[in-house]
């Protein structure tokens, strides 16, 4: 049996794999691991951005932290992935895609293989193994053989409606059912499961802004066609993207001791995934310090109600 790996060991392996396959990456260190929703962001030219959360046991991760991982991924055109050794103490198998709160969850070996662009055919959800099939190919092969829905249903032991749903693409066969279908129609009906897929989530349905200004920013960005979301478990406060343009925004909250630390992290994160980094502050004396960290800084008075600085850039894109 494969030995379970600690979160630290998993982190090292993931970083090595990303580096080996030519990905730029940044390790996120804020906020503390227990509440953080992202551990690593990665990007390679021509490939999908990847946001990764790591845990020895995926059951340790809260539903809210995974939901925020999905929301930020959706807002910044990235694919969310959880890398773990176990779920509820049960060792994960290599080359199978599990799901944790609707998010792909895999071993480090599976992630490494996926970075080589190899496909996987089996996924696990709610106590059952499934295989994806090509609905059109399945229907075409059935018709070529002159078989009815009822013929296939009888052969593999399911209802006629189930075969109908397979051919609509609204249902996936279990591993056992898929093996029977492959015996009839051949392996070409199978479709690889895409590990690096976009999260199907509406950013507007998650999280409440920390302040009125953040609410105004989100409202204004969304009115301009951005997919914009608020975050509370990441160094950034707002993430937004539109037509290939991505923005990461840090907003100072009252007596915010971590504004500089958060800004430094967001700059590294943004540079890694080719996004813009912006900080919004209330005090003039903070501007110079934060600009020294490499982030574009605006005063609240410059953006409140108008998004002056952001609009100036977006008029070109």
C-alpha atoms as a PDB file:
ATOM      1  CA  UNK A   1       0.000   0.000   0.000  1.00  0.00           C
ATOM      2  CA  UNK A   2       1.251   3.493  -0.867  1.00  0.00           C
ATOM      3  CA  UNK A   3       2.372   5.377   2.206  1.00  0.00           C
ATOM      4  CA  UNK A   4       0.318   8.445   3.097  1.00  0.00           C
ATOM      5  CA  UNK A   5       2.158  11.737   2.576  1.00  0.00           C
ATOM      6  CA  UNK A   6       2.080  14.747   4.872  1.00  0.00           C
ATOM      7  CA  UNK A   7       0.875  18.125   3.612  1.00  0.00           C
ATOM      8  CA  UNK A   8       4.497  19.351   3.596  1.00  0.00           C
ATOM      9  CA  UNK A   9       5.630  16.394   1.469  1.00  0.00           C
ATOM     10  CA  UNK A  10       2.702  16.894  -0.892  1.00  0.00           C
ATOM     11  CA  UNK A  11       3.586  20.578  -1.230  1.00  0.00           C
ATOM     12  CA  UNK A  12       7.190  19.725  -2.167  1.00  0.00           C
ATOM     13  CA  UNK A  13       6.077  17.168  -4.737  1.00  0.00           C
ATOM     14  CA  UNK A  14       3.547  19.510  -6.329  1.00  0.00           C
ATOM     15  CA  UNK A  15       6.103  22.319  -6.578  1.00  0.00           C
ATOM     16  CA  UNK A  16       8.677  19.974  -8.161  1.00  0.00           C
ATOM     17  CA  UNK A  17       6.123  18.707 -10.664  1.00  0.00           C
ATOM     18  CA  UNK A  18       5.035  22.227 -11.658  1.00  0.00           C
ATOM     19  CA  UNK A  19       8.644  23.311 -12.072  1.00  0.00           C
ATOM     20  CA  UNK A  20       9.476  20.202 -14.104  1.00  0.00           C
ATOM     21  CA  UNK A  21       6.609  20.831 -16.509  1.00  0.00           C
ATOM     22  CA  UNK A  22       7.480  24.472 -17.068  1.00  0.00           C
ATOM     23  CA  UNK A  23       4.820  26.115 -14.923  1.00  0.00           C
ATOM     24  CA  UNK A  24       5.375  29.380 -13.150  1.00  0.00           C
ATOM     25  CA  UNK A  25       4.100  29.065  -9.606  1.00  0.00           C
ATOM     26  CA  UNK A  26       3.737  30.957  -6.362  1.00  0.00           C
ATOM     27  CA  UNK A  27       3.228  29.485  -2.905  1.00  0.00           C
ATOM     28  CA  UNK A  28       0.570  31.411  -0.989  1.00  0.00           C
ATOM     29  CA  UNK A  29       1.433  31.984   2.660  1.00  0.00           C
ATOM     30  CA  UNK A  30      -1.436  34.173   3.831  1.00  0.00           C
ATOM     31  CA  UNK A  31      -3.627  33.736   5.801  1.00  0.00           C
ATOM     32  CA  UNK A  32      -2.460  30.864   8.055  1.00  0.00           C
ATOM     33  CA  UNK A  33      -2.842  27.375   6.570  1.00  0.00           C
ATOM     34  CA  UNK A  34      -5.871  26.455   8.657  1.00  0.00           C
ATOM     35  CA  UNK A  35      -8.042  29.133   7.043  1.00  0.00           C
ATOM     36  CA  UNK A  36      -6.365  29.598   3.660  1.00  0.00           C
ATOM     37  CA  UNK A  37      -8.292  28.628   0.524  1.00  0.00           C
ATOM     38  CA  UNK A  38      -5.308  28.490  -1.875  1.00  0.00           C
ATOM     39  CA  UNK A  39      -1.824  27.065  -1.320  1.00  0.00           C
ATOM     40  CA  UNK A  40      -0.324  27.332  -4.815  1.00  0.00           C
ATOM     41  CA  UNK A  41      -1.196  29.261  -7.975  1.00  0.00           C
ATOM     42  CA  UNK A  42       0.373  28.128 -11.254  1.00  0.00           C
ATOM     43  CA  UNK A  43       0.378  29.107 -14.918  1.00  0.00           C
ATOM     44  CA  UNK A  44       2.127  28.052 -18.101  1.00  0.00           C
ATOM     45  CA  UNK A  45       1.830  29.749 -21.498  1.00  0.00           C
ATOM     46  CA  UNK A  46      -1.031  28.317 -23.498  1.00  0.00           C
ATOM     47  CA  UNK A  47      -2.361  26.304 -20.550  1.00  0.00           C
ATOM     48  CA  UNK A  48      -4.993  26.760 -17.877  1.00  0.00           C
ATOM     49  CA  UNK A  49      -4.207  28.587 -14.674  1.00  0.00           C
ATOM     50  CA  UNK A  50      -4.340  26.188 -11.745  1.00  0.00           C
ATOM     51  CA  UNK A  51      -5.247  27.025  -8.131  1.00  0.00           C
ATOM     52  CA  UNK A  52      -4.247  24.237  -5.737  1.00  0.00           C
ATOM     53  CA  UNK A  53      -5.212  23.488  -2.144  1.00  0.00           C
ATOM     54  CA  UNK A  54      -3.189  20.853  -0.307  1.00  0.00           C
ATOM     55  CA  UNK A  55      -4.104  18.715   2.710  1.00  0.00           C
ATOM     56  CA  UNK A  56      -2.955  15.402   4.106  1.00  0.00           C
ATOM     57  CA  UNK A  57      -6.622  14.469   4.512  1.00  0.00           C
ATOM     58  CA  UNK A  58      -9.111  16.326   2.316  1.00  0.00           C
ATOM     59  CA  UNK A  59     -11.742  15.954   5.049  1.00  0.00           C
ATOM     60  CA  UNK A  60      -9.758  18.556   7.030  1.00  0.00           C
ATOM     61  CA  UNK A  61     -10.805  21.225   4.525  1.00  0.00           C
ATOM     62  CA  UNK A  62     -14.015  23.103   5.247  1.00  0.00           C
ATOM     63  CA  UNK A  63     -16.771  23.467   2.698  1.00  0.00           C
ATOM     64  CA  UNK A  64     -16.376  27.270   2.818  1.00  0.00           C
ATOM     65  CA  UNK A  65     -12.653  27.153   2.057  1.00  0.00           C
ATOM     66  CA  UNK A  66     -13.232  24.854  -0.927  1.00  0.00           C
ATOM     67  CA  UNK A  67     -16.114  26.991  -2.146  1.00  0.00           C
ATOM     68  CA  UNK A  68     -13.884  30.061  -2.015  1.00  0.00           C
ATOM     69  CA  UNK A  69     -11.193  28.159  -3.926  1.00  0.00           C
ATOM     70  CA  UNK A  70     -13.802  27.460  -6.611  1.00  0.00           C
ATOM     71  CA  UNK A  71     -15.126  31.019  -6.623  1.00  0.00           C
ATOM     72  CA  UNK A  72     -11.686  32.616  -6.978  1.00  0.00           C
ATOM     73  CA  UNK A  73     -10.751  30.100  -9.656  1.00  0.00           C
ATOM     74  CA  UNK A  74     -13.891  30.957 -11.598  1.00  0.00           C
ATOM     75  CA  UNK A  75     -13.271  34.701 -11.221  1.00  0.00           C
ATOM     76  CA  UNK A  76      -9.677  34.448 -12.467  1.00  0.00           C
ATOM     77  CA  UNK A  77     -10.136  31.838 -15.231  1.00  0.00           C
ATOM     78  CA  UNK A  78      -8.355  29.098 -13.300  1.00  0.00           C
ATOM     79  CA  UNK A  79      -8.984  25.425 -12.562  1.00  0.00           C
ATOM     80  CA  UNK A  80      -9.397  24.472  -8.868  1.00  0.00           C
ATOM     81  CA  UNK A  81      -7.713  21.273  -7.670  1.00  0.00           C
ATOM     82  CA  UNK A  82      -7.314  19.681  -4.229  1.00  0.00           C
ATOM     83  CA  UNK A  83      -4.241  17.477  -3.703  1.00  0.00           C
ATOM     84  CA  UNK A  84      -4.444  15.063  -0.771  1.00  0.00           C
ATOM     85  CA  UNK A  85      -3.349  11.635   0.434  1.00  0.00           C
ATOM     86  CA  UNK A  86      -6.639  10.611   2.039  1.00  0.00           C
ATOM     87  CA  UNK A  87     -10.289  11.447   2.473  1.00  0.00           C
ATOM     88  CA  UNK A  88     -11.712  10.613   5.921  1.00  0.00           C
ATOM     89  CA  UNK A  89      -8.706   8.413   6.595  1.00  0.00           C
ATOM     90  CA  UNK A  90      -9.125   6.334   3.429  1.00  0.00           C
ATOM     91  CA  UNK A  91      -6.125   6.344   1.088  1.00  0.00           C
ATOM     92  CA  UNK A  92      -6.820   7.847  -2.332  1.00  0.00           C
ATOM     93  CA  UNK A  93      -5.945   5.737  -5.357  1.00  0.00           C
ATOM     94  CA  UNK A  94      -3.677   7.064  -8.083  1.00  0.00           C
ATOM     95  CA  UNK A  95      -5.092   8.006 -11.509  1.00  0.00           C
ATOM     96  CA  UNK A  96      -8.640   8.363 -10.220  1.00  0.00           C
ATOM     97  CA  UNK A  97     -10.309  11.749  -9.872  1.00  0.00           C
ATOM     98  CA  UNK A  98     -12.266  12.105  -6.644  1.00  0.00           C
ATOM     99  CA  UNK A  99     -14.557  14.965  -5.694  1.00  0.00           C
ATOM    100  CA  UNK A 100     -14.541  17.052  -2.535  1.00  0.00           C
ATOM    101  CA  UNK A 101     -17.401  19.551  -2.462  1.00  0.00           C
ATOM    102  CA  UNK A 102     -17.675  19.279  -6.281  1.00  0.00           C
ATOM    103  CA  UNK A 103     -13.948  19.978  -6.688  1.00  0.00           C
ATOM    104  CA  UNK A 104     -11.485  17.544  -8.344  1.00  0.00           C
ATOM    105  CA  UNK A 105      -9.385  15.905  -5.622  1.00  0.00           C
ATOM    106  CA  UNK A 106      -6.355  13.786  -6.511  1.00  0.00           C
ATOM    107  CA  UNK A 107      -3.096  12.315  -5.267  1.00  0.00           C
ATOM    108  CA  UNK A 108       0.226  13.977  -6.079  1.00  0.00           C
ATOM    109  CA  UNK A 109       0.937  11.166  -8.580  1.00  0.00           C
ATOM    110  CA  UNK A 110      -2.314  11.871 -10.399  1.00  0.00           C
ATOM    111  CA  UNK A 111      -1.555  15.591 -10.577  1.00  0.00           C
ATOM    112  CA  UNK A 112       1.925  14.889 -11.960  1.00  0.00           C
ATOM    113  CA  UNK A 113       0.453  12.620 -14.629  1.00  0.00           C
ATOM    114  CA  UNK A 114      -2.187  15.216 -15.523  1.00  0.00           C
ATOM    115  CA  UNK A 115       0.539  17.838 -16.044  1.00  0.00           C
ATOM    116  CA  UNK A 116       1.879  15.522 -18.768  1.00  0.00           C
ATOM    117  CA  UNK A 117      -1.532  15.939 -20.431  1.00  0.00           C
ATOM    118  CA  UNK A 118      -2.500  12.311 -20.018  1.00  0.00           C
ATOM    119  CA  UNK A 119      -6.216  11.694 -19.530  1.00  0.00           C
ATOM    120  CA  UNK A 120      -7.944   9.720 -16.802  1.00  0.00           C
ATOM    121  CA  UNK A 121     -11.095   7.727 -17.331  1.00  0.00           C
ATOM    122  CA  UNK A 122     -12.366   6.976 -13.841  1.00  0.00           C
ATOM    123  CA  UNK A 123     -13.789   9.365 -11.291  1.00  0.00           C
ATOM    124  CA  UNK A 124     -15.221   8.738  -7.849  1.00  0.00           C
ATOM    125  CA  UNK A 125     -18.221  10.469  -6.337  1.00  0.00           C
ATOM    126  CA  UNK A 126     -20.586   9.659  -3.475  1.00  0.00           C
ATOM    127  CA  UNK A 127     -19.287   6.148  -2.950  1.00  0.00           C
ATOM    128  CA  UNK A 128     -19.265   5.015  -6.592  1.00  0.00           C
ATOM    129  CA  UNK A 129     -16.763   4.866  -9.473  1.00  0.00           C
ATOM    130  CA  UNK A 130     -17.871   6.363 -12.804  1.00  0.00           C
ATOM    131  CA  UNK A 131     -16.543   6.581 -16.348  1.00  0.00           C
ATOM    132  CA  UNK A 132     -17.358   9.292 -18.873  1.00  0.00           C
ATOM    133  CA  UNK A 133     -18.532   8.236 -22.322  1.00  0.00           C
ATOM    134  CA  UNK A 134     -19.022  10.240 -25.515  1.00  0.00           C
ATOM    135  CA  UNK A 135     -22.839  10.533 -25.881  1.00  0.00           C
ATOM    136  CA  UNK A 136     -22.776  10.970 -29.657  1.00  0.00           C
ATOM    137  CA  UNK A 137     -20.351   8.107 -30.241  1.00  0.00           C
ATOM    138  CA  UNK A 138     -22.359   5.838 -27.989  1.00  0.00           C
ATOM    139  CA  UNK A 139     -25.556   6.579 -29.930  1.00  0.00           C
ATOM    140  CA  UNK A 140     -23.790   6.271 -33.303  1.00  0.00           C
ATOM    141  CA  UNK A 141     -22.245   2.905 -32.386  1.00  0.00           C
ATOM    142  CA  UNK A 142     -25.586   1.625 -31.108  1.00  0.00           C
ATOM    143  CA  UNK A 143     -27.357   2.581 -34.334  1.00  0.00           C
ATOM    144  CA  UNK A 144     -24.546   1.100 -36.443  1.00  0.00           C
ATOM    145  CA  UNK A 145     -25.092  -2.227 -34.703  1.00  0.00           C
ATOM    146  CA  UNK A 146     -28.846  -1.964 -35.112  1.00  0.00           C
ATOM    147  CA  UNK A 147     -29.475  -2.124 -31.373  1.00  0.00           C
ATOM    148  CA  UNK A 148     -32.304  -0.408 -29.539  1.00  0.00           C
ATOM    149  CA  UNK A 149     -32.100   1.393 -26.217  1.00  0.00           C
ATOM    150  CA  UNK A 150     -33.897  -1.562 -24.707  1.00  0.00           C
ATOM    151  CA  UNK A 151     -31.378  -4.042 -26.152  1.00  0.00           C
ATOM    152  CA  UNK A 152     -28.453  -2.227 -24.482  1.00  0.00           C
ATOM    153  CA  UNK A 153     -30.386  -1.714 -21.254  1.00  0.00           C
ATOM    154  CA  UNK A 154     -31.116  -5.436 -20.992  1.00  0.00           C
ATOM    155  CA  UNK A 155     -27.502  -6.406 -21.763  1.00  0.00           C
ATOM    156  CA  UNK A 156     -25.883  -4.213 -19.122  1.00  0.00           C
ATOM    157  CA  UNK A 157     -28.652  -4.460 -16.544  1.00  0.00           C
ATOM    158  CA  UNK A 158     -30.070  -0.934 -16.388  1.00  0.00           C
ATOM    159  CA  UNK A 159     -33.287   0.769 -17.488  1.00  0.00           C
ATOM    160  CA  UNK A 160     -33.986   2.009 -20.995  1.00  0.00           C
ATOM    161  CA  UNK A 161     -34.181   5.549 -19.585  1.00  0.00           C
ATOM    162  CA  UNK A 162     -30.652   5.181 -18.182  1.00  0.00           C
ATOM    163  CA  UNK A 163     -29.242   4.418 -21.652  1.00  0.00           C
ATOM    164  CA  UNK A 164     -31.228   7.373 -22.983  1.00  0.00           C
ATOM    165  CA  UNK A 165     -29.588   9.617 -20.354  1.00  0.00           C
ATOM    166  CA  UNK A 166     -26.118   8.289 -21.286  1.00  0.00           C
ATOM    167  CA  UNK A 167     -26.784   9.304 -24.884  1.00  0.00           C
ATOM    168  CA  UNK A 168     -27.958  12.735 -23.766  1.00  0.00           C
ATOM    169  CA  UNK A 169     -24.780  13.219 -21.739  1.00  0.00           C
ATOM    170  CA  UNK A 170     -26.795  13.903 -18.587  1.00  0.00           C
ATOM    171  CA  UNK A 171     -25.620  10.773 -16.759  1.00  0.00           C
ATOM    172  CA  UNK A 172     -22.382   8.811 -16.551  1.00  0.00           C
ATOM    173  CA  UNK A 173     -22.220   5.015 -16.310  1.00  0.00           C
ATOM    174  CA  UNK A 174     -20.677   3.341 -13.305  1.00  0.00           C
ATOM    175  CA  UNK A 175     -17.350   1.577 -13.837  1.00  0.00           C
ATOM    176  CA  UNK A 176     -19.112  -1.814 -14.072  1.00  0.00           C
ATOM    177  CA  UNK A 177     -21.653  -0.519 -16.570  1.00  0.00           C
ATOM    178  CA  UNK A 178     -18.910   1.201 -18.581  1.00  0.00           C
ATOM    179  CA  UNK A 179     -16.944  -2.055 -18.836  1.00  0.00           C
ATOM    180  CA  UNK A 180     -20.028  -3.747 -20.304  1.00  0.00           C
ATOM    181  CA  UNK A 181     -20.537  -0.887 -22.777  1.00  0.00           C
ATOM    182  CA  UNK A 182     -16.890  -1.088 -23.852  1.00  0.00           C
ATOM    183  CA  UNK A 183     -17.279  -4.834 -24.428  1.00  0.00           C
ATOM    184  CA  UNK A 184     -20.114  -4.029 -26.843  1.00  0.00           C
ATOM    185  CA  UNK A 185     -18.863  -0.867 -28.566  1.00  0.00           C
ATOM    186  CA  UNK A 186     -15.113  -0.620 -27.949  1.00  0.00           C
ATOM    187  CA  UNK A 187     -12.928   1.774 -25.959  1.00  0.00           C
ATOM    188  CA  UNK A 188     -13.473   4.657 -28.395  1.00  0.00           C
ATOM    189  CA  UNK A 189     -16.734   5.508 -26.637  1.00  0.00           C
ATOM    190  CA  UNK A 190     -14.782   6.494 -23.510  1.00  0.00           C
ATOM    191  CA  UNK A 191     -13.868  10.135 -22.841  1.00  0.00           C
ATOM    192  CA  UNK A 192     -11.012  11.293 -20.572  1.00  0.00           C
ATOM    193  CA  UNK A 193     -12.000  13.202 -17.456  1.00  0.00           C
ATOM    194  CA  UNK A 194     -10.486  16.695 -17.534  1.00  0.00           C
ATOM    195  CA  UNK A 195      -8.801  17.421 -14.211  1.00  0.00           C
ATOM    196  CA  UNK A 196      -8.158  21.071 -15.041  1.00  0.00           C
ATOM    197  CA  UNK A 197     -11.716  22.166 -15.667  1.00  0.00           C
ATOM    198  CA  UNK A 198     -13.396  25.431 -14.784  1.00  0.00           C
ATOM    199  CA  UNK A 199     -15.540  25.460 -11.674  1.00  0.00           C
ATOM    200  CA  UNK A 200     -19.248  25.780 -12.354  1.00  0.00           C
ATOM    201  CA  UNK A 201     -20.068  28.406  -9.769  1.00  0.00           C
ATOM    202  CA  UNK A 202     -21.562  31.895  -9.730  1.00  0.00           C
ATOM    203  CA  UNK A 203     -19.159  34.288  -7.933  1.00  0.00           C
ATOM    204  CA  UNK A 204     -22.028  36.628  -7.119  1.00  0.00           C
ATOM    205  CA  UNK A 205     -23.620  34.035  -4.854  1.00  0.00           C
ATOM    206  CA  UNK A 206     -20.664  33.730  -2.502  1.00  0.00           C
ATOM    207  CA  UNK A 207     -19.310  35.919   0.297  1.00  0.00           C
ATOM    208  CA  UNK A 208     -20.215  39.296   1.688  1.00  0.00           C
ATOM    209  CA  UNK A 209     -17.969  42.353   1.166  1.00  0.00           C
ATOM    210  CA  UNK A 210     -16.013  43.548   4.201  1.00  0.00           C
ATOM    211  CA  UNK A 211     -16.970  47.166   3.552  1.00  0.00           C
ATOM    212  CA  UNK A 212     -19.236  49.448   1.575  1.00  0.00           C
ATOM    213  CA  UNK A 213     -16.345  50.310  -0.747  1.00  0.00           C
ATOM    214  CA  UNK A 214     -15.808  46.632  -1.578  1.00  0.00           C
ATOM    215  CA  UNK A 215     -19.503  46.305  -2.315  1.00  0.00           C
ATOM    216  CA  UNK A 216     -19.331  49.294  -4.663  1.00  0.00           C
ATOM    217  CA  UNK A 217     -16.286  47.832  -6.416  1.00  0.00           C
ATOM    218  CA  UNK A 218     -17.948  44.469  -6.955  1.00  0.00           C
ATOM    219  CA  UNK A 219     -21.123  46.121  -8.229  1.00  0.00           C
ATOM    220  CA  UNK A 220     -19.219  48.374 -10.628  1.00  0.00           C
ATOM    221  CA  UNK A 221     -16.996  45.589 -11.979  1.00  0.00           C
ATOM    222  CA  UNK A 222     -19.979  43.296 -12.563  1.00  0.00           C
ATOM    223  CA  UNK A 223     -21.859  46.094 -14.309  1.00  0.00           C
ATOM    224  CA  UNK A 224     -18.907  46.325 -16.709  1.00  0.00           C
ATOM    225  CA  UNK A 225     -19.079  42.639 -17.538  1.00  0.00           C
ATOM    226  CA  UNK A 226     -16.441  41.293 -15.142  1.00  0.00           C
ATOM    227  CA  UNK A 227     -16.790  38.014 -13.272  1.00  0.00           C
ATOM    228  CA  UNK A 228     -15.999  39.470  -9.869  1.00  0.00           C
ATOM    229  CA  UNK A 229     -15.872  37.801  -6.464  1.00  0.00           C
ATOM    230  CA  UNK A 230     -15.048  38.672  -2.893  1.00  0.00           C
ATOM    231  CA  UNK A 231     -12.540  36.633  -0.844  1.00  0.00           C
ATOM    232  CA  UNK A 232     -11.897  36.289   2.880  1.00  0.00           C
ATOM    233  CA  UNK A 233      -9.459  33.320   2.905  1.00  0.00           C
ATOM    234  CA  UNK A 234      -6.855  34.692   0.485  1.00  0.00           C
ATOM    235  CA  UNK A 235      -4.395  37.618   0.519  1.00  0.00           C
ATOM    236  CA  UNK A 236      -6.557  39.448  -2.048  1.00  0.00           C
ATOM    237  CA  UNK A 237     -10.014  40.838  -1.328  1.00  0.00           C
ATOM    238  CA  UNK A 238     -11.525  40.993  -4.813  1.00  0.00           C
ATOM    239  CA  UNK A 239     -10.788  38.975  -7.956  1.00  0.00           C
ATOM    240  CA  UNK A 240     -12.192  39.848 -11.364  1.00  0.00           C
ATOM    241  CA  UNK A 241     -11.722  38.950 -15.021  1.00  0.00           C
ATOM    242  CA  UNK A 242     -13.186  39.912 -18.394  1.00  0.00           C
ATOM    243  CA  UNK A 243     -12.082  39.122 -21.955  1.00  0.00           C
ATOM    244  CA  UNK A 244      -8.681  37.815 -20.888  1.00  0.00           C
ATOM    245  CA  UNK A 245      -7.988  40.656 -18.448  1.00  0.00           C
ATOM    246  CA  UNK A 246      -7.645  39.673 -14.788  1.00  0.00           C
ATOM    247  CA  UNK A 247      -7.406  41.941 -11.736  1.00  0.00           C
ATOM    248  CA  UNK A 248      -6.496  41.111  -8.142  1.00  0.00           C
ATOM    249  CA  UNK A 249      -7.407  43.788  -5.603  1.00  0.00           C
ATOM    250  CA  UNK A 250      -6.302  44.353  -2.008  1.00  0.00           C
ATOM    251  CA  UNK A 251      -8.468  46.696   0.078  1.00  0.00           C
ATOM    252  CA  UNK A 252      -7.308  48.126   3.403  1.00  0.00           C
ATOM    253  CA  UNK A 253      -9.703  47.313   6.234  1.00  0.00           C
ATOM    254  CA  UNK A 254      -9.626  49.705   9.176  1.00  0.00           C
ATOM    255  CA  UNK A 255      -6.526  49.036  11.266  1.00  0.00           C
ATOM    256  CA  UNK A 256      -5.086  46.492   8.827  1.00  0.00           C
ATOM    257  CA  UNK A 257      -1.673  45.347  10.080  1.00  0.00           C
ATOM    258  CA  UNK A 258      -1.327  42.921   7.191  1.00  0.00           C
ATOM    259  CA  UNK A 259      -1.886  45.294   4.263  1.00  0.00           C
ATOM    260  CA  UNK A 260       1.809  45.297   3.274  1.00  0.00           C
ATOM    261  CA  UNK A 261       2.196  41.520   3.709  1.00  0.00           C
ATOM    262  CA  UNK A 262      -0.989  40.884   1.748  1.00  0.00           C
ATOM    263  CA  UNK A 263       0.082  43.254  -1.029  1.00  0.00           C
ATOM    264  CA  UNK A 264       3.462  41.535  -1.409  1.00  0.00           C
ATOM    265  CA  UNK A 265       1.700  38.163  -1.700  1.00  0.00           C
ATOM    266  CA  UNK A 266      -0.812  39.479  -4.229  1.00  0.00           C
ATOM    267  CA  UNK A 267       1.960  40.951  -6.388  1.00  0.00           C
ATOM    268  CA  UNK A 268       3.684  37.557  -6.551  1.00  0.00           C
ATOM    269  CA  UNK A 269       0.392  35.786  -7.187  1.00  0.00           C
ATOM    270  CA  UNK A 270      -0.608  38.254  -9.916  1.00  0.00           C
ATOM    271  CA  UNK A 271       2.779  38.128 -11.652  1.00  0.00           C
ATOM    272  CA  UNK A 272       2.628  34.335 -11.672  1.00  0.00           C
ATOM    273  CA  UNK A 273      -0.786  34.118 -13.349  1.00  0.00           C
ATOM    274  CA  UNK A 274      -0.302  37.223 -15.552  1.00  0.00           C
ATOM    275  CA  UNK A 275      -2.880  39.374 -13.776  1.00  0.00           C
ATOM    276  CA  UNK A 276      -2.883  42.981 -12.553  1.00  0.00           C
ATOM    277  CA  UNK A 277      -2.372  43.799  -8.880  1.00  0.00           C
ATOM    278  CA  UNK A 278      -4.076  46.810  -7.293  1.00  0.00           C
ATOM    279  CA  UNK A 279      -4.248  48.067  -3.698  1.00  0.00           C
ATOM    280  CA  UNK A 280      -6.823  50.516  -2.338  1.00  0.00           C
ATOM    281  CA  UNK A 281      -5.881  52.436   0.809  1.00  0.00           C
ATOM    282  CA  UNK A 282      -7.265  55.232   2.941  1.00  0.00           C
ATOM    283  CA  UNK A 283      -3.999  56.925   3.980  1.00  0.00           C
ATOM    284  CA  UNK A 284      -1.577  58.792   1.771  1.00  0.00           C
ATOM    285  CA  UNK A 285       1.458  57.607   3.749  1.00  0.00           C
ATOM    286  CA  UNK A 286       0.737  53.997   2.768  1.00  0.00           C
ATOM    287  CA  UNK A 287       0.978  54.688  -0.951  1.00  0.00           C
ATOM    288  CA  UNK A 288       4.767  54.952  -1.177  1.00  0.00           C
ATOM    289  CA  UNK A 289       5.410  51.830   0.931  1.00  0.00           C
ATOM    290  CA  UNK A 290       3.010  49.701  -1.067  1.00  0.00           C
ATOM    291  CA  UNK A 291       4.234  51.006  -4.417  1.00  0.00           C
ATOM    292  CA  UNK A 292       7.667  49.876  -3.280  1.00  0.00           C
ATOM    293  CA  UNK A 293       6.225  46.370  -3.062  1.00  0.00           C
ATOM    294  CA  UNK A 294       5.341  46.583  -6.746  1.00  0.00           C
ATOM    295  CA  UNK A 295       1.586  47.038  -6.492  1.00  0.00           C
ATOM    296  CA  UNK A 296      -0.445  49.797  -8.155  1.00  0.00           C
ATOM    297  CA  UNK A 297      -1.990  51.893  -5.375  1.00  0.00           C
ATOM    298  CA  UNK A 298      -5.063  54.136  -5.302  1.00  0.00           C
ATOM    299  CA  UNK A 299      -6.621  56.147  -2.494  1.00  0.00           C
ATOM    300  CA  UNK A 300     -10.212  55.441  -1.552  1.00  0.00           C
ATOM    301  CA  UNK A 301     -11.114  58.956  -2.702  1.00  0.00           C
ATOM    302  CA  UNK A 302      -9.800  58.171  -6.207  1.00  0.00           C
ATOM    303  CA  UNK A 303     -11.976  55.141  -6.765  1.00  0.00           C
ATOM    304  CA  UNK A 304     -15.069  55.460  -4.588  1.00  0.00           C
ATOM    305  CA  UNK A 305     -18.159  55.300  -6.757  1.00  0.00           C
ATOM    306  CA  UNK A 306     -16.201  55.684  -9.993  1.00  0.00           C
ATOM    307  CA  UNK A 307     -13.348  53.166 -10.162  1.00  0.00           C
ATOM    308  CA  UNK A 308     -11.234  55.916 -11.769  1.00  0.00           C
ATOM    309  CA  UNK A 309      -7.972  53.996 -11.954  1.00  0.00           C
ATOM    310  CA  UNK A 310      -9.500  50.690 -12.965  1.00  0.00           C
ATOM    311  CA  UNK A 311     -11.734  52.280 -15.586  1.00  0.00           C
ATOM    312  CA  UNK A 312      -8.763  54.056 -17.111  1.00  0.00           C
ATOM    313  CA  UNK A 313      -7.115  50.702 -17.780  1.00  0.00           C
ATOM    314  CA  UNK A 314     -10.282  48.899 -18.842  1.00  0.00           C
ATOM    315  CA  UNK A 315     -11.112  51.515 -21.486  1.00  0.00           C
ATOM    316  CA  UNK A 316      -8.268  49.950 -23.453  1.00  0.00           C
ATOM    317  CA  UNK A 317      -9.534  46.397 -23.028  1.00  0.00           C
END
